[in-house]
Amino acid sequence: MRSTVTKRGQTVIPAPIRKKYRIERGTTLLWIDTGENIRVVPLPEDPIKALRGIAKGENLGKKVLRERKRDEIRE
């Protein structure tokens, strides 16, 4: 996908990308210059809410308890 930059430095984000990453009016974009390329990252309005459910099905509680037991054995 391509877009063109206007005289005013504006461009259009292609619709499939806007939909996939939920970029809507008022969404803040973080521009990262890596020195070799530019990355554009949409920032969620509420970062905590955006992370809710991200580890669903990971059984994190069981993993923490397993690691604690391993640590006790090492001590």
Protein backbone atom coordinates (compact mmCIF):
# COMPACT_ATOMS: atom_id res chain seq x y z
CA MET A 1 0.00 0.00 0.00
CA ARG A 2 1.16 3.49 -0.77
CA SER A 3 0.16 7.02 0.07
CA THR A 4 1.46 10.40 -1.01
CA VAL A 5 2.53 13.25 1.25
CA THR A 6 0.91 16.63 0.52
CA LYS A 7 2.59 20.06 0.55
CA ARG A 8 1.42 20.42 4.14
CA GLY A 9 3.13 17.15 5.19
CA GLN A 10 -0.13 15.21 5.42
CA THR A 11 -0.86 11.72 4.16
CA VAL A 12 -3.74 9.25 4.21
CA ILE A 13 -3.52 6.00 6.15
CA PRO A 14 -4.99 3.29 3.92
CA ALA A 15 -8.38 2.03 5.14
CA PRO A 16 -7.30 -1.63 5.65
CA ILE A 17 -4.51 -0.48 7.98
CA ARG A 18 -6.83 1.90 9.87
CA LYS A 19 -9.33 -0.90 10.40
CA LYS A 20 -6.76 -3.54 11.39
CA TYR A 21 -5.09 -1.32 13.98
CA ARG A 22 -8.27 0.54 15.03
CA ILE A 23 -6.93 3.94 14.04
CA GLU A 24 -9.78 6.41 14.29
CA ARG A 25 -10.21 10.15 14.46
CA GLY A 26 -8.26 11.42 17.46
CA THR A 27 -5.91 8.40 17.65
CA THR A 28 -2.40 9.47 18.67
CA LEU A 29 0.41 8.09 16.51
CA LEU A 30 3.95 7.61 17.79
CA TRP A 31 6.61 8.17 15.10
CA ILE A 32 9.84 6.24 15.69
CA ASP A 33 12.94 7.07 13.65
CA THR A 34 15.24 4.03 13.83
CA GLY A 35 17.92 5.69 11.73
CA GLU A 36 17.19 3.30 8.86
CA ASN A 37 13.42 3.57 8.63
CA ILE A 38 10.36 5.07 10.28
CA ARG A 39 7.83 3.14 12.35
CA VAL A 40 4.38 4.49 13.10
CA VAL A 41 2.69 3.05 16.19
CA PRO A 42 -0.89 3.90 17.17
CA LEU A 43 -1.13 4.61 20.90
CA PRO A 44 -4.27 3.43 22.67
CA GLU A 45 -6.29 6.05 24.50
CA ASP A 46 -6.22 3.87 27.65
CA PRO A 47 -3.07 1.66 27.64
CA ILE A 48 -4.25 -0.42 30.62
CA LYS A 49 -7.59 -1.17 28.99
CA ALA A 50 -5.81 -2.06 25.73
CA LEU A 51 -3.77 -4.73 27.53
CA ARG A 52 -6.77 -6.34 29.22
CA GLY A 53 -7.09 -9.97 28.14
CA ILE A 54 -3.75 -10.06 26.29
CA ALA A 55 -2.53 -13.06 28.32
CA LYS A 56 -5.84 -14.92 28.33
CA GLY A 57 -5.34 -18.67 28.28
CA GLU A 58 -1.68 -18.44 29.31
CA ASN A 59 -2.22 -19.92 32.80
CA LEU A 60 0.11 -17.31 34.25
CA GLY A 61 -0.84 -18.11 37.84
CA LYS A 62 0.28 -21.72 37.43
CA LYS A 63 3.50 -20.62 35.73
CA VAL A 64 4.32 -18.24 38.60
CA LEU A 65 3.75 -20.97 41.20
CA ARG A 66 5.95 -23.40 39.23
CA GLU A 67 8.75 -20.83 39.05
CA ARG A 68 8.47 -20.16 42.80
CA LYS A 69 8.84 -23.86 43.52
CA ARG A 70 11.91 -24.03 41.25
CA ASP A 71 13.40 -21.05 43.08
CA GLU A 72 12.80 -22.73 46.47
CA ILE A 73 14.56 -25.88 45.25
CA ARG A 74 17.56 -23.86 44.05
CA GLU A 75 17.92 -22.16 47.43
